[in-house]
Amino acid sequence: ITSSTDIVFYGETGFGGVGTPSRSWMINFLDWWKQQDPSIDYVELDSAGVKTDCNLLNFPSLKIYVQPGGNAYYQQNKLGSAGKTNINNFINSGKAYFGSCAGFYYAVNDYYWQGSFYNHPYLLDRFPTVEGSITNIADFDQNPGYAMTLLSNGFNAIYYGGPTQGWRDTLINLPSGAVATASYSAIPGNLPAIIKYDHLLLTSVHLEAFENDGITGLSTTQRLENYKLLANHLNEVA
């Protein structure tokens, strides 16, 4: 991290890291954003960086911490208490957090996954109970585990097991000040798909997904529109 770095993301792969496609998607998105706005300067962190090597508060230009998709249980276990403290201190200082899919699960108090309840000790505890996967969009446990889905804002995005509220095991319980900027059009109930809450951006869908990179069905045009939506949302929360 340098004096000009404004975004960091957790990019370690393997056990306790992020998904390989999720890392690739995030890099593609951030590279695209940097092409549109040369002031974007991002750095990839491993678990040691998030836990102990980088006190995020020591870098005043740093604006956004990003937690990509993967497995929230393994991520919280890998980052542990030290990672939780470092990220929460960063958010508490008024900086932004972007959690996509597993990064959304990682930000919550607890969650239901495929009908079973989990309350892991090192989740960030910043958002009420959520649930996934939404099996009538795409069942994560059934191949291929993802699907393109239409959102209420007219955008089409990849759903890959991300969390929501108000489906089967939860009620829609957005904290005061939280706004769902998009819900799922494929199912009734206005289940939130994208949430802005204080300095948090939490996305159940993968707006950063890249066509033909571990997935099919996403067009270049759709991906670019999702990129623009995501960049605008990040600017708003940061």
C-alpha atoms as a PDB file:
ATOM      1  CA  ILE A   1       0.000   0.000   0.000  1.00  0.00           C
ATOM      2  CA  THR A   2       1.336   3.448  -0.942  1.00  0.00           C
ATOM      3  CA  SER A   3       0.198   7.010  -0.275  1.00  0.00           C
ATOM      4  CA  SER A   4      -1.924   6.901  -3.447  1.00  0.00           C
ATOM      5  CA  THR A   5      -3.662   3.566  -2.816  1.00  0.00           C
ATOM      6  CA  ASP A   6      -7.408   4.091  -2.478  1.00  0.00           C
ATOM      7  CA  ILE A   7      -8.744   0.503  -2.738  1.00  0.00           C
ATOM      8  CA  VAL A   8      -7.558  -2.797  -1.256  1.00  0.00           C
ATOM      9  CA  PHE A   9      -9.120  -6.186  -1.817  1.00  0.00           C
ATOM     10  CA  TYR A  10      -8.648  -9.573  -0.222  1.00  0.00           C
ATOM     11  CA  GLY A  11      -7.315 -11.698  -3.050  1.00  0.00           C
ATOM     12  CA  GLU A  12      -5.695 -14.729  -1.482  1.00  0.00           C
ATOM     13  CA  THR A  13      -6.991 -17.948  -3.018  1.00  0.00           C
ATOM     14  CA  GLY A  14      -6.893 -21.506  -1.740  1.00  0.00           C
ATOM     15  CA  PHE A  15      -8.294 -22.694   1.573  1.00  0.00           C
ATOM     16  CA  GLY A  16      -9.757 -19.680   3.384  1.00  0.00           C
ATOM     17  CA  GLY A  17      -9.239 -17.387   0.444  1.00  0.00           C
ATOM     18  CA  VAL A  18     -11.595 -16.094  -2.196  1.00  0.00           C
ATOM     19  CA  GLY A  19     -12.828 -18.039  -5.195  1.00  0.00           C
ATOM     20  CA  THR A  20     -10.459 -18.065  -8.160  1.00  0.00           C
ATOM     21  CA  PRO A  21     -13.115 -16.615 -10.518  1.00  0.00           C
ATOM     22  CA  SER A  22     -14.065 -14.028  -7.878  1.00  0.00           C
ATOM     23  CA  ARG A  23     -10.454 -12.838  -7.664  1.00  0.00           C
ATOM     24  CA  SER A  24     -10.188 -12.690 -11.443  1.00  0.00           C
ATOM     25  CA  TRP A  25     -13.512 -10.834 -11.748  1.00  0.00           C
ATOM     26  CA  MET A  26     -12.472  -8.247  -9.147  1.00  0.00           C
ATOM     27  CA  ILE A  27      -9.151  -7.593 -10.886  1.00  0.00           C
ATOM     28  CA  ASN A  28     -10.897  -7.205 -14.253  1.00  0.00           C
ATOM     29  CA  PHE A  29     -13.385  -4.761 -12.759  1.00  0.00           C
ATOM     30  CA  LEU A  30     -10.732  -2.703 -10.968  1.00  0.00           C
ATOM     31  CA  ASP A  31      -8.533  -2.605 -14.082  1.00  0.00           C
ATOM     32  CA  TRP A  32     -11.532  -1.399 -16.108  1.00  0.00           C
ATOM     33  CA  TRP A  33     -12.339   1.253 -13.490  1.00  0.00           C
ATOM     34  CA  LYS A  34      -8.741   2.467 -13.521  1.00  0.00           C
ATOM     35  CA  GLN A  35      -8.990   2.889 -17.300  1.00  0.00           C
ATOM     36  CA  GLN A  36     -12.027   5.132 -16.801  1.00  0.00           C
ATOM     37  CA  ASP A  37     -10.544   6.975 -13.811  1.00  0.00           C
ATOM     38  CA  PRO A  38      -6.733   7.010 -13.566  1.00  0.00           C
ATOM     39  CA  SER A  39      -6.928   8.067  -9.915  1.00  0.00           C
ATOM     40  CA  ILE A  40      -7.993   4.511  -9.038  1.00  0.00           C
ATOM     41  CA  ASP A  41      -5.059   2.766  -7.371  1.00  0.00           C
ATOM     42  CA  TYR A  42      -5.694  -0.674  -5.904  1.00  0.00           C
ATOM     43  CA  VAL A  43      -3.644  -3.260  -4.044  1.00  0.00           C
ATOM     44  CA  GLU A  44      -4.332  -6.958  -3.444  1.00  0.00           C
ATOM     45  CA  LEU A  45      -3.879  -8.232   0.119  1.00  0.00           C
ATOM     46  CA  ASP A  46      -3.330 -11.757   1.396  1.00  0.00           C
ATOM     47  CA  SER A  47      -4.630 -12.981   4.746  1.00  0.00           C
ATOM     48  CA  ALA A  48      -1.490 -11.869   6.602  1.00  0.00           C
ATOM     49  CA  GLY A  49      -1.951  -8.397   5.158  1.00  0.00           C
ATOM     50  CA  VAL A  50      -5.544  -8.182   6.321  1.00  0.00           C
ATOM     51  CA  LYS A  51      -4.772  -9.627   9.763  1.00  0.00           C
ATOM     52  CA  THR A  52      -1.503  -8.104  10.909  1.00  0.00           C
ATOM     53  CA  ASP A  53       0.801  -6.743   8.206  1.00  0.00           C
ATOM     54  CA  CYS A  54      -1.325  -3.736   7.197  1.00  0.00           C
ATOM     55  CA  ASN A  55      -3.069  -1.553   9.749  1.00  0.00           C
ATOM     56  CA  LEU A  56      -5.630  -0.117   7.348  1.00  0.00           C
ATOM     57  CA  LEU A  57      -5.991   3.048   9.444  1.00  0.00           C
ATOM     58  CA  ASN A  58      -2.376   3.978   8.712  1.00  0.00           C
ATOM     59  CA  PHE A  59      -3.212   4.931   5.113  1.00  0.00           C
ATOM     60  CA  PRO A  60      -5.335   8.101   4.946  1.00  0.00           C
ATOM     61  CA  SER A  61      -5.893   7.875   1.166  1.00  0.00           C
ATOM     62  CA  LEU A  62      -7.387   4.396   1.465  1.00  0.00           C
ATOM     63  CA  LYS A  63     -11.146   4.607   0.865  1.00  0.00           C
ATOM     64  CA  ILE A  64     -12.504   1.107   0.172  1.00  0.00           C
ATOM     65  CA  TYR A  65     -11.881  -2.403   1.479  1.00  0.00           C
ATOM     66  CA  VAL A  66     -13.238  -5.187  -0.791  1.00  0.00           C
ATOM     67  CA  GLN A  67     -14.169  -8.729   0.252  1.00  0.00           C
ATOM     68  CA  PRO A  68     -14.912 -10.838  -2.877  1.00  0.00           C
ATOM     69  CA  GLY A  69     -16.872 -14.066  -3.211  1.00  0.00           C
ATOM     70  CA  GLY A  70     -15.894 -17.529  -2.055  1.00  0.00           C
ATOM     71  CA  ASN A  71     -16.835 -19.310   1.164  1.00  0.00           C
ATOM     72  CA  ALA A  72     -17.726 -16.998   4.063  1.00  0.00           C
ATOM     73  CA  TYR A  73     -17.059 -19.637   6.728  1.00  0.00           C
ATOM     74  CA  TYR A  74     -13.552 -20.343   5.493  1.00  0.00           C
ATOM     75  CA  GLN A  75     -12.852 -16.640   4.937  1.00  0.00           C
ATOM     76  CA  GLN A  76     -13.853 -15.631   8.469  1.00  0.00           C
ATOM     77  CA  ASN A  77     -11.911 -18.565   9.872  1.00  0.00           C
ATOM     78  CA  LYS A  78      -8.795 -17.597   7.917  1.00  0.00           C
ATOM     79  CA  LEU A  79      -8.952 -13.871   8.730  1.00  0.00           C
ATOM     80  CA  GLY A  80      -9.915 -14.532  12.336  1.00  0.00           C
ATOM     81  CA  SER A  81     -10.271 -12.033  15.142  1.00  0.00           C
ATOM     82  CA  ALA A  82      -7.376  -9.868  13.950  1.00  0.00           C
ATOM     83  CA  GLY A  83      -8.815  -9.487  10.445  1.00  0.00           C
ATOM     84  CA  LYS A  84     -12.258  -8.732  11.839  1.00  0.00           C
ATOM     85  CA  THR A  85     -10.842  -6.031  14.100  1.00  0.00           C
ATOM     86  CA  ASN A  86      -8.747  -4.441  11.350  1.00  0.00           C
ATOM     87  CA  ILE A  87     -11.649  -4.280   8.885  1.00  0.00           C
ATOM     88  CA  ASN A  88     -14.157  -3.056  11.469  1.00  0.00           C
ATOM     89  CA  ASN A  89     -11.784  -0.340  12.680  1.00  0.00           C
ATOM     90  CA  PHE A  90     -11.441   0.781   9.066  1.00  0.00           C
ATOM     91  CA  ILE A  91     -15.220   0.927   8.568  1.00  0.00           C
ATOM     92  CA  ASN A  92     -15.739   2.647  11.933  1.00  0.00           C
ATOM     93  CA  SER A  93     -13.356   5.396  10.823  1.00  0.00           C
ATOM     94  CA  GLY A  94     -15.816   6.307   8.043  1.00  0.00           C
ATOM     95  CA  LYS A  95     -14.268   4.289   5.221  1.00  0.00           C
ATOM     96  CA  ALA A  96     -16.175   2.004   2.828  1.00  0.00           C
ATOM     97  CA  TYR A  97     -16.599  -1.767   2.668  1.00  0.00           C
ATOM     98  CA  PHE A  98     -17.716  -3.654  -0.446  1.00  0.00           C
ATOM     99  CA  GLY A  99     -18.812  -7.250   0.063  1.00  0.00           C
ATOM    100  CA  SER A 100     -19.853  -9.349  -2.925  1.00  0.00           C
ATOM    101  CA  CYS A 101     -21.703 -12.646  -2.300  1.00  0.00           C
ATOM    102  CA  ALA A 102     -19.511 -14.350   0.346  1.00  0.00           C
ATOM    103  CA  GLY A 103     -18.214 -10.886   1.173  1.00  0.00           C
ATOM    104  CA  PHE A 104     -21.830  -9.966   1.979  1.00  0.00           C
ATOM    105  CA  TYR A 105     -22.206 -13.053   4.210  1.00  0.00           C
ATOM    106  CA  TYR A 106     -18.914 -12.123   5.886  1.00  0.00           C
ATOM    107  CA  ALA A 107     -20.341  -8.722   6.867  1.00  0.00           C
ATOM    108  CA  VAL A 108     -23.408 -10.036   8.729  1.00  0.00           C
ATOM    109  CA  ASN A 109     -24.176 -11.161  12.283  1.00  0.00           C
ATOM    110  CA  ASP A 110     -25.280 -14.652  11.232  1.00  0.00           C
ATOM    111  CA  TYR A 111     -26.938 -16.406   8.305  1.00  0.00           C
ATOM    112  CA  TYR A 112     -28.900 -19.353   6.998  1.00  0.00           C
ATOM    113  CA  TRP A 113     -27.211 -21.441   4.325  1.00  0.00           C
ATOM    114  CA  GLN A 114     -29.396 -23.989   2.527  1.00  0.00           C
ATOM    115  CA  GLY A 115     -31.763 -23.977   5.515  1.00  0.00           C
ATOM    116  CA  SER A 116     -29.146 -24.423   8.278  1.00  0.00           C
ATOM    117  CA  PHE A 117     -28.292 -21.582  10.669  1.00  0.00           C
ATOM    118  CA  TYR A 118     -24.705 -20.436  11.221  1.00  0.00           C
ATOM    119  CA  ASN A 119     -23.235 -17.910  13.654  1.00  0.00           C
ATOM    120  CA  HIS A 120     -19.482 -17.907  13.156  1.00  0.00           C
ATOM    121  CA  PRO A 121     -17.328 -15.962  15.619  1.00  0.00           C
ATOM    122  CA  TYR A 122     -15.349 -13.806  13.195  1.00  0.00           C
ATOM    123  CA  LEU A 123     -18.097 -12.462  10.955  1.00  0.00           C
ATOM    124  CA  LEU A 124     -18.083  -8.654  10.970  1.00  0.00           C
ATOM    125  CA  ASP A 125     -21.470  -8.356  12.750  1.00  0.00           C
ATOM    126  CA  ARG A 126     -22.548  -5.283  10.778  1.00  0.00           C
ATOM    127  CA  PHE A 127     -25.826  -6.453   9.224  1.00  0.00           C
ATOM    128  CA  PRO A 128     -28.831  -8.544  10.366  1.00  0.00           C
ATOM    129  CA  THR A 129     -29.475 -12.191   9.487  1.00  0.00           C
ATOM    130  CA  VAL A 130     -29.513 -13.144   5.799  1.00  0.00           C
ATOM    131  CA  GLU A 131     -30.085 -16.363   3.881  1.00  0.00           C
ATOM    132  CA  GLY A 132     -29.085 -18.192   0.699  1.00  0.00           C
ATOM    133  CA  SER A 133     -28.859 -19.726  -1.733  1.00  0.00           C
ATOM    134  CA  ILE A 134     -32.100 -18.703  -3.428  1.00  0.00           C
ATOM    135  CA  THR A 135     -32.694 -22.077  -4.991  1.00  0.00           C
ATOM    136  CA  ASN A 136     -35.533 -21.002  -7.275  1.00  0.00           C
ATOM    137  CA  ILE A 137     -33.042 -18.725  -9.018  1.00  0.00           C
ATOM    138  CA  ALA A 138     -30.049 -21.080  -8.793  1.00  0.00           C
ATOM    139  CA  ASP A 139     -29.269 -23.800  -6.278  1.00  0.00           C
ATOM    140  CA  PHE A 140     -25.600 -23.470  -5.376  1.00  0.00           C
ATOM    141  CA  ASP A 141     -25.408 -27.199  -4.654  1.00  0.00           C
ATOM    142  CA  GLN A 142     -26.717 -28.162  -8.091  1.00  0.00           C
ATOM    143  CA  ASN A 143     -24.506 -27.819 -11.159  1.00  0.00           C
ATOM    144  CA  PRO A 144     -23.723 -25.209 -12.426  1.00  0.00           C
ATOM    145  CA  GLY A 145     -24.727 -23.388  -9.219  1.00  0.00           C
ATOM    146  CA  TYR A 146     -25.356 -20.016 -10.844  1.00  0.00           C
ATOM    147  CA  ALA A 147     -27.747 -18.297 -13.224  1.00  0.00           C
ATOM    148  CA  MET A 148     -28.288 -14.990 -14.946  1.00  0.00           C
ATOM    149  CA  THR A 149     -31.151 -13.165 -13.300  1.00  0.00           C
ATOM    150  CA  LEU A 150     -33.069  -9.956 -13.925  1.00  0.00           C
ATOM    151  CA  LEU A 151     -33.017  -7.245 -11.269  1.00  0.00           C
ATOM    152  CA  SER A 152     -35.689  -4.672 -10.554  1.00  0.00           C
ATOM    153  CA  ASN A 153     -33.440  -1.897 -11.922  1.00  0.00           C
ATOM    154  CA  GLY A 154     -33.417  -3.573 -15.352  1.00  0.00           C
ATOM    155  CA  PHE A 155     -29.891  -4.961 -15.073  1.00  0.00           C
ATOM    156  CA  ASN A 156     -29.038  -8.641 -15.658  1.00  0.00           C
ATOM    157  CA  ALA A 157     -26.460 -10.109 -13.309  1.00  0.00           C
ATOM    158  CA  ILE A 158     -24.928 -13.411 -12.254  1.00  0.00           C
ATOM    159  CA  TYR A 159     -26.458 -14.943  -9.119  1.00  0.00           C
ATOM    160  CA  TYR A 160     -24.132 -17.480  -7.514  1.00  0.00           C
ATOM    161  CA  GLY A 161     -25.514 -18.318  -4.064  1.00  0.00           C
ATOM    162  CA  GLY A 162     -25.546 -14.809  -2.622  1.00  0.00           C
ATOM    163  CA  PRO A 163     -27.548 -13.768   0.459  1.00  0.00           C
ATOM    164  CA  THR A 164     -30.846 -11.946   0.711  1.00  0.00           C
ATOM    165  CA  GLN A 165     -33.662 -11.413   3.201  1.00  0.00           C
ATOM    166  CA  GLY A 166     -37.348 -12.340   3.145  1.00  0.00           C
ATOM    167  CA  TRP A 167     -37.218 -15.596   1.216  1.00  0.00           C
ATOM    168  CA  ARG A 168     -37.805 -18.671   3.420  1.00  0.00           C
ATOM    169  CA  ASP A 169     -35.955 -18.417   6.741  1.00  0.00           C
ATOM    170  CA  THR A 170     -35.814 -14.643   7.259  1.00  0.00           C
ATOM    171  CA  LEU A 171     -37.914 -11.514   7.052  1.00  0.00           C
ATOM    172  CA  ILE A 172     -36.795  -8.396   5.251  1.00  0.00           C
ATOM    173  CA  ASN A 173     -35.165  -6.522   8.109  1.00  0.00           C
ATOM    174  CA  LEU A 174     -33.030  -3.736   6.703  1.00  0.00           C
ATOM    175  CA  PRO A 175     -31.368  -1.587   9.378  1.00  0.00           C
ATOM    176  CA  SER A 176     -32.366   2.045   9.656  1.00  0.00           C
ATOM    177  CA  GLY A 177     -30.733   3.937   6.811  1.00  0.00           C
ATOM    178  CA  ALA A 178     -30.172   0.886   4.631  1.00  0.00           C
ATOM    179  CA  VAL A 179     -31.514   1.082   1.070  1.00  0.00           C
ATOM    180  CA  ALA A 180     -32.048  -1.798  -1.347  1.00  0.00           C
ATOM    181  CA  THR A 181     -31.203  -0.270  -4.719  1.00  0.00           C
ATOM    182  CA  ALA A 182     -32.281  -3.439  -6.543  1.00  0.00           C
ATOM    183  CA  SER A 183     -34.342  -6.543  -5.811  1.00  0.00           C
ATOM    184  CA  TYR A 184     -34.876  -9.818  -7.667  1.00  0.00           C
ATOM    185  CA  SER A 185     -37.459  -9.671 -10.469  1.00  0.00           C
ATOM    186  CA  ALA A 186     -37.578 -13.454 -10.910  1.00  0.00           C
ATOM    187  CA  ILE A 187     -39.256 -14.081  -7.557  1.00  0.00           C
ATOM    188  CA  PRO A 188     -41.966 -12.275  -5.570  1.00  0.00           C
ATOM    189  CA  GLY A 189     -41.423 -10.296  -2.405  1.00  0.00           C
ATOM    190  CA  ASN A 190     -38.890  -7.617  -3.429  1.00  0.00           C
ATOM    191  CA  LEU A 191     -35.990  -9.607  -2.001  1.00  0.00           C
ATOM    192  CA  PRO A 192     -32.962  -7.298  -1.849  1.00  0.00           C
ATOM    193  CA  ALA A 193     -30.096  -7.950  -4.260  1.00  0.00           C
ATOM    194  CA  ILE A 194     -28.001  -4.771  -3.798  1.00  0.00           C
ATOM    195  CA  ILE A 195     -27.892  -2.841  -0.524  1.00  0.00           C
ATOM    196  CA  LYS A 196     -26.273   0.432   0.437  1.00  0.00           C
ATOM    197  CA  TYR A 197     -25.959   0.867   4.186  1.00  0.00           C
ATOM    198  CA  ASP A 198     -23.923   3.702   5.649  1.00  0.00           C
ATOM    199  CA  HIS A 199     -20.486   3.092   4.075  1.00  0.00           C
ATOM    200  CA  LEU A 200     -21.233  -0.518   3.138  1.00  0.00           C
ATOM    201  CA  LEU A 201     -22.082  -1.806  -0.319  1.00  0.00           C
ATOM    202  CA  LEU A 202     -23.414  -5.373  -0.090  1.00  0.00           C
ATOM    203  CA  THR A 203     -24.250  -7.222  -3.299  1.00  0.00           C
ATOM    204  CA  SER A 204     -25.954 -10.591  -3.482  1.00  0.00           C
ATOM    205  CA  VAL A 205     -25.304 -10.708  -7.231  1.00  0.00           C
ATOM    206  CA  HIS A 206     -21.900 -10.490  -8.884  1.00  0.00           C
ATOM    207  CA  LEU A 207     -21.855  -7.115 -10.620  1.00  0.00           C
ATOM    208  CA  GLU A 208     -18.112  -7.653 -11.085  1.00  0.00           C
ATOM    209  CA  ALA A 209     -18.543 -10.951 -12.975  1.00  0.00           C
ATOM    210  CA  PHE A 210     -16.683 -11.221 -16.296  1.00  0.00           C
ATOM    211  CA  GLU A 211     -18.128 -13.026 -19.281  1.00  0.00           C
ATOM    212  CA  ASN A 212     -16.782 -16.519 -20.056  1.00  0.00           C
ATOM    213  CA  ASP A 213     -14.525 -16.459 -16.991  1.00  0.00           C
ATOM    214  CA  GLY A 214     -15.879 -19.480 -15.122  1.00  0.00           C
ATOM    215  CA  ILE A 215     -19.442 -18.680 -16.212  1.00  0.00           C
ATOM    216  CA  THR A 216     -21.580 -18.486 -19.330  1.00  0.00           C
ATOM    217  CA  GLY A 217     -24.612 -16.395 -20.188  1.00  0.00           C
ATOM    218  CA  LEU A 218     -23.239 -12.927 -19.423  1.00  0.00           C
ATOM    219  CA  SER A 219     -22.675 -10.680 -22.430  1.00  0.00           C
ATOM    220  CA  THR A 220     -19.989  -8.026 -22.753  1.00  0.00           C
ATOM    221  CA  THR A 221     -22.683  -5.348 -22.952  1.00  0.00           C
ATOM    222  CA  GLN A 222     -24.336  -6.582 -19.755  1.00  0.00           C
ATOM    223  CA  ARG A 223     -20.988  -6.788 -17.978  1.00  0.00           C
ATOM    224  CA  LEU A 224     -20.070  -3.204 -18.894  1.00  0.00           C
ATOM    225  CA  GLU A 225     -23.421  -1.906 -17.667  1.00  0.00           C
ATOM    226  CA  ASN A 226     -22.931  -3.811 -14.409  1.00  0.00           C
ATOM    227  CA  TYR A 227     -19.427  -2.368 -14.086  1.00  0.00           C
ATOM    228  CA  LYS A 228     -20.772   1.179 -14.422  1.00  0.00           C
ATOM    229  CA  LEU A 229     -23.487   0.494 -11.874  1.00  0.00           C
ATOM    230  CA  LEU A 230     -20.964  -0.967  -9.445  1.00  0.00           C
ATOM    231  CA  ALA A 231     -18.491   1.907  -9.841  1.00  0.00           C
ATOM    232  CA  ASN A 232     -21.232   4.468  -9.244  1.00  0.00           C
ATOM    233  CA  HIS A 233     -22.429   2.621  -6.136  1.00  0.00           C
ATOM    234  CA  LEU A 234     -18.883   2.433  -4.780  1.00  0.00           C
ATOM    235  CA  ASN A 235     -18.416   6.160  -5.325  1.00  0.00           C
ATOM    236  CA  GLU A 236     -21.628   6.784  -3.410  1.00  0.00           C
ATOM    237  CA  VAL A 237     -20.722   4.718  -0.337  1.00  0.00           C
ATOM    238  CA  ALA A 238     -17.098   5.954  -0.327  1.00  0.00           C
END
